[in-house]
Structure formats: C-alpha cells, structure tokens
Amino acid sequence: MSEEACLLRDDRADGLTTLTLNRPGQFNSLSREMLTALQSELDAIAADEKVRVVVIAGAGKAFCAGHDLKEMRANHSKDFMQALFRQCGELMLTITRLPQPVIARVHGIATAAGCQLVSMCDLAVAADVAKFAVSGINVGLFCSTPAVGLARNLGRKAALEMLLTGDFIDAMEARAKGLVNRVVPADALDAEIERLAASILAKSAVAVRMGKGMFYKQLEMGLADAYDYAGEVMACNMMSEDAGEGIDAFMQKRKPAYKGC
C-alpha cells in the first residue's frame, strides 16, 4: 500500500503482521473506506498461514476515535446507517473468527467504535497515557454496537457505567476492568508488544489456531455442550504432530521444533 493509504500493512518474516490505521488527521476514525480496507486485509490474513500474530495500531496521536461523524452526518439516511453498522459488525466478528490472535496496540485515546475495536481484539496492550470511552451518549447516541464488545469483556455494571456516562477511564482502570491485558509506559509499548507476540510465536501454530477458535465458540454454548465441544477439540489437538513433538520435547527437556502448519 502507498503511504497515503488509510491502512498500512507491515509483514515480518517471523510471522508478525501489523495493520496501522492511517488517518491521523481524523484520529483514525472508522470511515467506510477504513472499514473496507481492514476487512480486505483481515480476509487475506485469515488465509495466510505465514501470518501467526496480528497487531492493530494507530498512526498519530490517537488509536481510534470511533466512526467518522462527518461522514455519518453527510449521509443521514437509515439505509446508510444500517449498512455502516452491519459493515462494522462484520469486521468485529472477523477479528474473533480470524485464526491468528489479534493484539490491539493502544497508544492514545480509544473512543466509541475505537473502544469497541479494542474490546474485540483478542488481546490489548496499552500505554499508560491511553484513555478509553464510549462517548456517544454525550451527543445523544447510546453506543449500542460498542456495548456488544464491552459486555463480553467487562462486568455488566462496569460496562453500563461507561455506556451511560460516556466518561473516560485511564489505562490502569481499563486493565482492572478487563478491557486491556497490560499497561506500560508509552516508551515501552513496542517492547511489551514484542514480548507478548514473541511468547505466542514460540507456541505451536496448530494449537494457537485451534485454541482461539474453540475459545470463542464455547463461549456461546451451555456448560455441558461447551465441555463436550472442548473435549473433542482437545482430542483432535492431541492427535496433531505438534502436540506429539511438544510432549516429547517436554519429557526430554529440550525445546520443541514445531512444524507450524
């Protein structure tokens, strides 16, 4: 992609791919163009076994300030709004369905659908200066679609407080509430992302892909069905070459040599 593209992609030989929201002048708002670009790249990544971990980052001062309000006001019709929110919802589902783990790199504000994006990434690492809010309520709009991600990552009362007040929370509070995994000083953010990604990259690609898919699917099941499904997945995982190699390496006290496919 060119430097003027709204989304930048960087692929590394070790399997780490970074997608950078590149509308810094608009605080990386999720325009239709941005949503389309993200969807296209994630669809391509899903089929690419060379990609092992995905990082979503933002250029400029903000991580993502949510939907593009100017674009929304310029297209004030119910058909447009329905299509926009369907497109955004499909993107959020794509993240959870992606075989590879997705890490949000949050260096600045993440508001409204930007906060939703953080909540729907599998993992999130934030700089200590980052702030989070679902602020639609401040302009007469309840953040209904961001509520889906928040309700599945935060406790109900914590999620509703954010949704009903629109107030910002800081990075440490976001970690305490379950919105992000780790908080580090801003100048240590990239190093922390590297540590987290490296830990995942060192694991069996087969186990990671199977495990992520299982995790989200079982969440929507009853307890008994979840155990039945998890047991079947684990049995299949045990039959993989990587599992055999990993167990042998553990017993032989050596580093495993996973096939990674």
C-alpha atoms as a PDB file:
ATOM      1  CA  MET A   1       0.000   0.000   0.000  1.00  0.00           C
ATOM      2  CA  SER A   2       1.080   3.589  -0.576  1.00  0.00           C
ATOM      3  CA  GLU A   3       1.932   5.992   2.219  1.00  0.00           C
ATOM      4  CA  GLU A   4      -1.359   7.780   1.519  1.00  0.00           C
ATOM      5  CA  ALA A   5      -3.430   4.659   2.155  1.00  0.00           C
ATOM      6  CA  CYS A   6      -5.829   4.767   5.083  1.00  0.00           C
ATOM      7  CA  LEU A   7      -4.427   1.440   6.289  1.00  0.00           C
ATOM      8  CA  LEU A   8      -0.791   0.348   6.276  1.00  0.00           C
ATOM      9  CA  ARG A   9       0.405  -3.254   6.460  1.00  0.00           C
ATOM     10  CA  ASP A  10       3.808  -4.465   7.591  1.00  0.00           C
ATOM     11  CA  ASP A  11       4.716  -8.172   7.383  1.00  0.00           C
ATOM     12  CA  ARG A  12       7.685  -9.627   9.219  1.00  0.00           C
ATOM     13  CA  ALA A  13       9.500 -12.851   8.408  1.00  0.00           C
ATOM     14  CA  ASP A  14       8.769 -14.242  11.887  1.00  0.00           C
ATOM     15  CA  GLY A  15       5.007 -14.198  11.247  1.00  0.00           C
ATOM     16  CA  LEU A  16       4.057 -10.899  12.918  1.00  0.00           C
ATOM     17  CA  THR A  17       1.874  -8.604  10.798  1.00  0.00           C
ATOM     18  CA  THR A  18       0.988  -5.063  11.841  1.00  0.00           C
ATOM     19  CA  LEU A  19      -2.016  -3.180  10.457  1.00  0.00           C
ATOM     20  CA  THR A  20      -1.811   0.545  11.175  1.00  0.00           C
ATOM     21  CA  LEU A  21      -4.871   2.783  10.970  1.00  0.00           C
ATOM     22  CA  ASN A  22      -3.514   5.716   8.969  1.00  0.00           C
ATOM     23  CA  ARG A  23      -5.901   8.651   9.223  1.00  0.00           C
ATOM     24  CA  PRO A  24      -4.039  10.618  11.902  1.00  0.00           C
ATOM     25  CA  GLY A  25      -5.695  13.897  10.966  1.00  0.00           C
ATOM     26  CA  GLN A  26      -9.084  12.315  11.654  1.00  0.00           C
ATOM     27  CA  PHE A  27      -7.865  10.428  14.749  1.00  0.00           C
ATOM     28  CA  ASN A  28      -8.052   7.201  12.718  1.00  0.00           C
ATOM     29  CA  SER A  29     -11.839   7.269  12.600  1.00  0.00           C
ATOM     30  CA  LEU A  30     -13.526   4.247  11.056  1.00  0.00           C
ATOM     31  CA  SER A  31     -14.783   5.624   7.757  1.00  0.00           C
ATOM     32  CA  ARG A  32     -16.352   3.276   5.222  1.00  0.00           C
ATOM     33  CA  GLU A  33     -13.023   3.271   3.396  1.00  0.00           C
ATOM     34  CA  MET A  34     -11.157   2.300   6.574  1.00  0.00           C
ATOM     35  CA  LEU A  35     -13.632  -0.469   7.397  1.00  0.00           C
ATOM     36  CA  THR A  36     -13.362  -1.833   3.856  1.00  0.00           C
ATOM     37  CA  ALA A  37      -9.560  -1.754   3.955  1.00  0.00           C
ATOM     38  CA  LEU A  38      -9.445  -3.523   7.322  1.00  0.00           C
ATOM     39  CA  GLN A  39     -11.908  -6.165   6.161  1.00  0.00           C
ATOM     40  CA  SER A  40      -9.905  -6.809   2.994  1.00  0.00           C
ATOM     41  CA  GLU A  41      -6.609  -7.203   4.844  1.00  0.00           C
ATOM     42  CA  LEU A  42      -8.059  -9.424   7.572  1.00  0.00           C
ATOM     43  CA  ASP A  43      -9.734 -11.656   4.985  1.00  0.00           C
ATOM     44  CA  ALA A  44      -6.377 -12.058   3.239  1.00  0.00           C
ATOM     45  CA  ILE A  45      -4.566 -12.700   6.529  1.00  0.00           C
ATOM     46  CA  ALA A  46      -7.074 -15.402   7.516  1.00  0.00           C
ATOM     47  CA  ALA A  47      -5.955 -17.488   4.543  1.00  0.00           C
ATOM     48  CA  ASP A  48      -2.243 -16.794   5.009  1.00  0.00           C
ATOM     49  CA  GLU A  49      -0.538 -19.421   7.181  1.00  0.00           C
ATOM     50  CA  LYS A  50       2.672 -17.384   7.172  1.00  0.00           C
ATOM     51  CA  VAL A  51       0.954 -14.821   9.416  1.00  0.00           C
ATOM     52  CA  ARG A  52       0.978 -16.017  13.023  1.00  0.00           C
ATOM     53  CA  VAL A  53       0.060 -12.900  15.043  1.00  0.00           C
ATOM     54  CA  VAL A  54      -1.635  -9.636  14.039  1.00  0.00           C
ATOM     55  CA  VAL A  55      -1.173  -6.247  15.723  1.00  0.00           C
ATOM     56  CA  ILE A  56      -3.647  -3.418  15.103  1.00  0.00           C
ATOM     57  CA  ALA A  57      -2.107   0.000  15.740  1.00  0.00           C
ATOM     58  CA  GLY A  58      -2.897   3.641  15.054  1.00  0.00           C
ATOM     59  CA  ALA A  59      -0.878   6.461  13.493  1.00  0.00           C
ATOM     60  CA  GLY A  60      -0.659   9.894  15.070  1.00  0.00           C
ATOM     61  CA  LYS A  61      -1.951  10.895  18.483  1.00  0.00           C
ATOM     62  CA  ALA A  62      -4.979   8.599  18.739  1.00  0.00           C
ATOM     63  CA  PHE A  63      -5.539   4.872  18.454  1.00  0.00           C
ATOM     64  CA  CYS A  64      -9.053   5.293  17.056  1.00  0.00           C
ATOM     65  CA  ALA A  65     -11.794   7.835  17.764  1.00  0.00           C
ATOM     66  CA  GLY A  66     -14.662   5.671  16.506  1.00  0.00           C
ATOM     67  CA  HIS A  67     -16.852   6.224  13.482  1.00  0.00           C
ATOM     68  CA  ASP A  68     -16.369   9.178  11.146  1.00  0.00           C
ATOM     69  CA  LEU A  69     -19.064  11.562  12.391  1.00  0.00           C
ATOM     70  CA  LYS A  70     -18.668  13.934   9.445  1.00  0.00           C
ATOM     71  CA  GLU A  71     -19.270  11.088   7.017  1.00  0.00           C
ATOM     72  CA  MET A  72     -22.292   9.967   9.011  1.00  0.00           C
ATOM     73  CA  ARG A  73     -23.837  13.445   9.068  1.00  0.00           C
ATOM     74  CA  ALA A  74     -23.226  13.835   5.323  1.00  0.00           C
ATOM     75  CA  ASN A  75     -25.112  10.590   4.645  1.00  0.00           C
ATOM     76  CA  HIS A  76     -28.021  10.968   7.019  1.00  0.00           C
ATOM     77  CA  SER A  77     -30.296   8.133   5.970  1.00  0.00           C
ATOM     78  CA  LYS A  78     -31.354   4.982   7.761  1.00  0.00           C
ATOM     79  CA  ASP A  79     -30.140   2.824   4.863  1.00  0.00           C
ATOM     80  CA  PHE A  80     -26.658   4.298   5.148  1.00  0.00           C
ATOM     81  CA  MET A  81     -26.583   3.851   8.936  1.00  0.00           C
ATOM     82  CA  GLN A  82     -27.771   0.258   8.737  1.00  0.00           C
ATOM     83  CA  ALA A  83     -25.170  -0.596   6.102  1.00  0.00           C
ATOM     84  CA  LEU A  84     -22.411   1.140   8.076  1.00  0.00           C
ATOM     85  CA  PHE A  85     -23.149  -0.671  11.323  1.00  0.00           C
ATOM     86  CA  ARG A  86     -23.543  -4.009   9.525  1.00  0.00           C
ATOM     87  CA  GLN A  87     -20.140  -3.462   7.925  1.00  0.00           C
ATOM     88  CA  CYS A  88     -18.582  -2.587  11.271  1.00  0.00           C
ATOM     89  CA  GLY A  89     -20.223  -5.555  12.986  1.00  0.00           C
ATOM     90  CA  GLU A  90     -18.918  -7.920  10.334  1.00  0.00           C
ATOM     91  CA  LEU A  91     -15.408  -6.544  10.844  1.00  0.00           C
ATOM     92  CA  MET A  92     -15.611  -7.114  14.593  1.00  0.00           C
ATOM     93  CA  LEU A  93     -16.787 -10.693  14.030  1.00  0.00           C
ATOM     94  CA  THR A  94     -13.959 -11.225  11.544  1.00  0.00           C
ATOM     95  CA  ILE A  95     -11.432 -10.387  14.260  1.00  0.00           C
ATOM     96  CA  THR A  96     -12.779 -13.061  16.584  1.00  0.00           C
ATOM     97  CA  ARG A  97     -13.075 -15.585  13.726  1.00  0.00           C
ATOM     98  CA  LEU A  98      -9.556 -14.929  12.477  1.00  0.00           C
ATOM     99  CA  PRO A  99      -7.334 -17.977  13.058  1.00  0.00           C
ATOM    100  CA  GLN A 100      -4.498 -15.751  14.266  1.00  0.00           C
ATOM    101  CA  PRO A 101      -4.520 -13.890  17.600  1.00  0.00           C
ATOM    102  CA  VAL A 102      -5.048 -10.121  17.226  1.00  0.00           C
ATOM    103  CA  ILE A 103      -3.390  -7.661  19.620  1.00  0.00           C
ATOM    104  CA  ALA A 104      -4.529  -4.041  19.942  1.00  0.00           C
ATOM    105  CA  ARG A 105      -1.619  -1.611  20.388  1.00  0.00           C
ATOM    106  CA  VAL A 106      -3.280   1.330  22.171  1.00  0.00           C
ATOM    107  CA  HIS A 107      -1.001   4.338  22.439  1.00  0.00           C
ATOM    108  CA  GLY A 108      -3.653   7.094  22.705  1.00  0.00           C
ATOM    109  CA  ILE A 109      -7.384   7.583  23.010  1.00  0.00           C
ATOM    110  CA  ALA A 110      -9.788   4.825  22.000  1.00  0.00           C
ATOM    111  CA  THR A 111     -13.346   6.115  21.939  1.00  0.00           C
ATOM    112  CA  ALA A 112     -16.746   4.812  20.824  1.00  0.00           C
ATOM    113  CA  ALA A 113     -16.167   2.281  17.990  1.00  0.00           C
ATOM    114  CA  GLY A 114     -12.434   2.660  18.665  1.00  0.00           C
ATOM    115  CA  CYS A 115     -13.020   1.354  22.170  1.00  0.00           C
ATOM    116  CA  GLN A 116     -15.191  -1.353  20.601  1.00  0.00           C
ATOM    117  CA  LEU A 117     -12.260  -2.321  18.388  1.00  0.00           C
ATOM    118  CA  VAL A 118     -10.020  -2.711  21.445  1.00  0.00           C
ATOM    119  CA  SER A 119     -12.632  -4.853  23.176  1.00  0.00           C
ATOM    120  CA  MET A 120     -12.997  -7.170  20.174  1.00  0.00           C
ATOM    121  CA  CYS A 121      -9.275  -7.746  19.683  1.00  0.00           C
ATOM    122  CA  ASP A 122      -8.155 -10.934  21.399  1.00  0.00           C
ATOM    123  CA  LEU A 123      -5.548  -9.124  23.486  1.00  0.00           C
ATOM    124  CA  ALA A 124      -4.697  -5.485  24.150  1.00  0.00           C
ATOM    125  CA  VAL A 125      -1.620  -3.671  25.400  1.00  0.00           C
ATOM    126  CA  ALA A 126      -1.971  -0.008  26.355  1.00  0.00           C
ATOM    127  CA  ALA A 127       0.383   2.844  27.078  1.00  0.00           C
ATOM    128  CA  ASP A 128      -0.161   4.360  30.496  1.00  0.00           C
ATOM    129  CA  VAL A 129      -1.311   7.596  28.822  1.00  0.00           C
ATOM    130  CA  ALA A 130      -4.081   5.886  26.830  1.00  0.00           C
ATOM    131  CA  LYS A 131      -7.704   6.673  27.639  1.00  0.00           C
ATOM    132  CA  PHE A 132     -10.924   4.876  26.803  1.00  0.00           C
ATOM    133  CA  ALA A 133     -14.556   5.915  26.497  1.00  0.00           C
ATOM    134  CA  VAL A 134     -17.798   5.038  24.753  1.00  0.00           C
ATOM    135  CA  SER A 135     -18.872   8.635  24.476  1.00  0.00           C
ATOM    136  CA  GLY A 136     -21.833   8.511  22.115  1.00  0.00           C
ATOM    137  CA  ILE A 137     -24.197   9.175  24.996  1.00  0.00           C
ATOM    138  CA  ASN A 138     -22.686  12.665  25.260  1.00  0.00           C
ATOM    139  CA  VAL A 139     -24.159  13.564  21.853  1.00  0.00           C
ATOM    140  CA  GLY A 140     -27.478  11.772  22.277  1.00  0.00           C
ATOM    141  CA  LEU A 141     -26.385   8.422  20.850  1.00  0.00           C
ATOM    142  CA  PHE A 142     -26.145   5.297  23.005  1.00  0.00           C
ATOM    143  CA  CYS A 143     -23.146   3.245  21.845  1.00  0.00           C
ATOM    144  CA  SER A 144     -25.185   0.113  21.147  1.00  0.00           C
ATOM    145  CA  THR A 145     -22.694  -1.697  18.922  1.00  0.00           C
ATOM    146  CA  PRO A 146     -19.700  -0.958  21.199  1.00  0.00           C
ATOM    147  CA  ALA A 147     -21.857  -2.301  24.035  1.00  0.00           C
ATOM    148  CA  VAL A 148     -21.636  -5.769  22.491  1.00  0.00           C
ATOM    149  CA  GLY A 149     -17.865  -5.925  22.907  1.00  0.00           C
ATOM    150  CA  LEU A 150     -17.834  -4.196  26.283  1.00  0.00           C
ATOM    151  CA  ALA A 151     -20.495  -6.505  27.710  1.00  0.00           C
ATOM    152  CA  ARG A 152     -18.391  -9.510  26.750  1.00  0.00           C
ATOM    153  CA  ASN A 153     -15.160  -8.196  28.273  1.00  0.00           C
ATOM    154  CA  LEU A 154     -16.169  -6.140  31.300  1.00  0.00           C
ATOM    155  CA  GLY A 155     -18.553  -6.846  34.133  1.00  0.00           C
ATOM    156  CA  ARG A 156     -22.104  -5.653  33.413  1.00  0.00           C
ATOM    157  CA  LYS A 157     -22.068  -2.762  35.854  1.00  0.00           C
ATOM    158  CA  ALA A 158     -18.665  -1.553  34.671  1.00  0.00           C
ATOM    159  CA  ALA A 159     -19.771  -1.717  31.029  1.00  0.00           C
ATOM    160  CA  LEU A 160     -23.059   0.072  31.685  1.00  0.00           C
ATOM    161  CA  GLU A 161     -21.344   2.809  33.668  1.00  0.00           C
ATOM    162  CA  MET A 162     -19.098   3.552  30.699  1.00  0.00           C
ATOM    163  CA  LEU A 163     -22.043   3.415  28.281  1.00  0.00           C
ATOM    164  CA  LEU A 164     -24.390   5.553  30.371  1.00  0.00           C
ATOM    165  CA  THR A 165     -21.919   8.250  31.428  1.00  0.00           C
ATOM    166  CA  GLY A 166     -19.571   8.472  28.437  1.00  0.00           C
ATOM    167  CA  ASP A 167     -16.786   9.221  30.916  1.00  0.00           C
ATOM    168  CA  PHE A 168     -13.165   8.411  30.124  1.00  0.00           C
ATOM    169  CA  ILE A 169     -11.281   5.771  32.055  1.00  0.00           C
ATOM    170  CA  ASP A 170      -7.495   5.625  32.143  1.00  0.00           C
ATOM    171  CA  ALA A 171      -5.338   2.684  31.133  1.00  0.00           C
ATOM    172  CA  MET A 172      -4.942   1.289  34.637  1.00  0.00           C
ATOM    173  CA  GLU A 173      -8.702   1.294  35.182  1.00  0.00           C
ATOM    174  CA  ALA A 174      -9.169  -0.294  31.772  1.00  0.00           C
ATOM    175  CA  ARG A 175      -6.858  -3.121  32.838  1.00  0.00           C
ATOM    176  CA  ALA A 176      -8.652  -3.534  36.163  1.00  0.00           C
ATOM    177  CA  LYS A 177     -11.983  -3.749  34.336  1.00  0.00           C
ATOM    178  CA  GLY A 178     -10.691  -6.312  31.823  1.00  0.00           C
ATOM    179  CA  LEU A 179     -10.572  -4.142  28.697  1.00  0.00           C
ATOM    180  CA  VAL A 180      -6.788  -4.454  28.256  1.00  0.00           C
ATOM    181  CA  ASN A 181      -4.238  -7.055  29.334  1.00  0.00           C
ATOM    182  CA  ARG A 182      -1.148  -4.975  30.034  1.00  0.00           C
ATOM    183  CA  VAL A 183      -0.277  -1.333  30.719  1.00  0.00           C
ATOM    184  CA  VAL A 184       3.249   0.014  30.282  1.00  0.00           C
ATOM    185  CA  PRO A 185       4.922   3.425  29.928  1.00  0.00           C
ATOM    186  CA  ALA A 186       4.472   4.851  26.440  1.00  0.00           C
ATOM    187  CA  ASP A 187       8.140   4.423  25.565  1.00  0.00           C
ATOM    188  CA  ALA A 188       7.949   0.725  26.489  1.00  0.00           C
ATOM    189  CA  LEU A 189       4.805  -0.054  24.474  1.00  0.00           C
ATOM    190  CA  ASP A 190       6.525  -1.556  21.443  1.00  0.00           C
ATOM    191  CA  ALA A 191       8.842  -3.657  23.594  1.00  0.00           C
ATOM    192  CA  GLU A 192       5.859  -5.051  25.507  1.00  0.00           C
ATOM    193  CA  ILE A 193       4.044  -5.851  22.258  1.00  0.00           C
ATOM    194  CA  GLU A 194       7.192  -7.653  21.118  1.00  0.00           C
ATOM    195  CA  ARG A 195       7.318  -9.707  24.315  1.00  0.00           C
ATOM    196  CA  LEU A 196       3.672 -10.723  24.080  1.00  0.00           C
ATOM    197  CA  ALA A 197       3.863 -11.542  20.372  1.00  0.00           C
ATOM    198  CA  ALA A 198       7.111 -13.480  20.827  1.00  0.00           C
ATOM    199  CA  SER A 199       5.524 -15.628  23.508  1.00  0.00           C
ATOM    200  CA  ILE A 200       2.699 -16.578  21.134  1.00  0.00           C
ATOM    201  CA  LEU A 201       5.002 -17.026  18.132  1.00  0.00           C
ATOM    202  CA  ALA A 202       7.033 -19.541  20.123  1.00  0.00           C
ATOM    203  CA  LYS A 203       3.996 -21.778  20.528  1.00  0.00           C
ATOM    204  CA  SER A 204       2.527 -24.325  18.114  1.00  0.00           C
ATOM    205  CA  ALA A 205       0.611 -22.591  15.319  1.00  0.00           C
ATOM    206  CA  VAL A 206      -1.764 -25.565  15.252  1.00  0.00           C
ATOM    207  CA  ALA A 207      -2.569 -25.276  18.949  1.00  0.00           C
ATOM    208  CA  VAL A 208      -2.991 -21.484  18.775  1.00  0.00           C
ATOM    209  CA  ARG A 209      -5.373 -21.610  15.809  1.00  0.00           C
ATOM    210  CA  MET A 210      -7.428 -24.470  17.225  1.00  0.00           C
ATOM    211  CA  GLY A 211      -7.470 -22.882  20.669  1.00  0.00           C
ATOM    212  CA  LYS A 212      -8.636 -19.462  19.574  1.00  0.00           C
ATOM    213  CA  GLY A 213     -11.469 -20.929  17.514  1.00  0.00           C
ATOM    214  CA  MET A 214     -12.529 -23.156  20.390  1.00  0.00           C
ATOM    215  CA  PHE A 215     -12.418 -20.340  22.931  1.00  0.00           C
ATOM    216  CA  TYR A 216     -14.922 -18.113  21.144  1.00  0.00           C
ATOM    217  CA  LYS A 217     -17.236 -20.915  20.045  1.00  0.00           C
ATOM    218  CA  GLN A 218     -17.582 -22.406  23.524  1.00  0.00           C
ATOM    219  CA  LEU A 219     -18.479 -19.014  24.998  1.00  0.00           C
ATOM    220  CA  GLU A 220     -21.829 -19.152  23.206  1.00  0.00           C
ATOM    221  CA  MET A 221     -22.654 -22.672  24.492  1.00  0.00           C
ATOM    222  CA  GLY A 222     -24.181 -24.048  27.641  1.00  0.00           C
ATOM    223  CA  LEU A 223     -21.767 -25.576  30.133  1.00  0.00           C
ATOM    224  CA  ALA A 224     -22.318 -29.232  29.200  1.00  0.00           C
ATOM    225  CA  ASP A 225     -22.135 -28.545  25.453  1.00  0.00           C
ATOM    226  CA  ALA A 226     -19.014 -26.451  25.993  1.00  0.00           C
ATOM    227  CA  TYR A 227     -17.251 -29.329  27.736  1.00  0.00           C
ATOM    228  CA  ASP A 228     -18.314 -31.786  25.029  1.00  0.00           C
ATOM    229  CA  TYR A 229     -17.025 -29.481  22.308  1.00  0.00           C
ATOM    230  CA  ALA A 230     -13.805 -28.606  24.160  1.00  0.00           C
ATOM    231  CA  GLY A 231     -13.086 -32.270  24.765  1.00  0.00           C
ATOM    232  CA  GLU A 232     -13.466 -33.048  21.070  1.00  0.00           C
ATOM    233  CA  VAL A 233     -11.173 -30.178  20.078  1.00  0.00           C
ATOM    234  CA  MET A 234      -8.594 -31.220  22.634  1.00  0.00           C
ATOM    235  CA  ALA A 235      -8.677 -34.822  21.389  1.00  0.00           C
ATOM    236  CA  CYS A 236      -8.082 -33.606  17.837  1.00  0.00           C
ATOM    237  CA  ASN A 237      -5.305 -31.327  19.061  1.00  0.00           C
ATOM    238  CA  MET A 238      -3.659 -34.275  20.850  1.00  0.00           C
ATOM    239  CA  MET A 239      -3.550 -36.175  17.555  1.00  0.00           C
ATOM    240  CA  SER A 240      -1.568 -33.397  15.857  1.00  0.00           C
ATOM    241  CA  GLU A 241       2.124 -33.777  15.111  1.00  0.00           C
ATOM    242  CA  ASP A 242       2.872 -30.597  17.059  1.00  0.00           C
ATOM    243  CA  ALA A 243       1.288 -31.962  20.243  1.00  0.00           C
ATOM    244  CA  GLY A 244       3.358 -35.124  19.991  1.00  0.00           C
ATOM    245  CA  GLU A 245       6.512 -33.084  19.428  1.00  0.00           C
ATOM    246  CA  GLY A 246       5.697 -30.715  22.283  1.00  0.00           C
ATOM    247  CA  ILE A 247       5.091 -33.520  24.786  1.00  0.00           C
ATOM    248  CA  ASP A 248       8.204 -35.418  23.691  1.00  0.00           C
ATOM    249  CA  ALA A 249      10.286 -32.240  23.990  1.00  0.00           C
ATOM    250  CA  PHE A 250       8.900 -31.585  27.483  1.00  0.00           C
ATOM    251  CA  MET A 251       9.772 -35.097  28.645  1.00  0.00           C
ATOM    252  CA  GLN A 252      13.203 -34.917  27.020  1.00  0.00           C
ATOM    253  CA  LYS A 253      13.841 -31.455  28.476  1.00  0.00           C
ATOM    254  CA  ARG A 254      14.534 -29.807  25.140  1.00  0.00           C
ATOM    255  CA  LYS A 255      12.993 -27.042  23.053  1.00  0.00           C
ATOM    256  CA  PRO A 256      10.194 -28.271  20.759  1.00  0.00           C
ATOM    257  CA  ALA A 257      10.566 -27.993  16.972  1.00  0.00           C
ATOM    258  CA  TYR A 258       7.017 -27.340  15.804  1.00  0.00           C
ATOM    259  CA  LYS A 259       6.056 -27.784  12.178  1.00  0.00           C
ATOM    260  CA  GLY A 260       3.928 -24.635  12.359  1.00  0.00           C
ATOM    261  CA  CYS A 261       1.342 -25.546   9.734  1.00  0.00           C
END
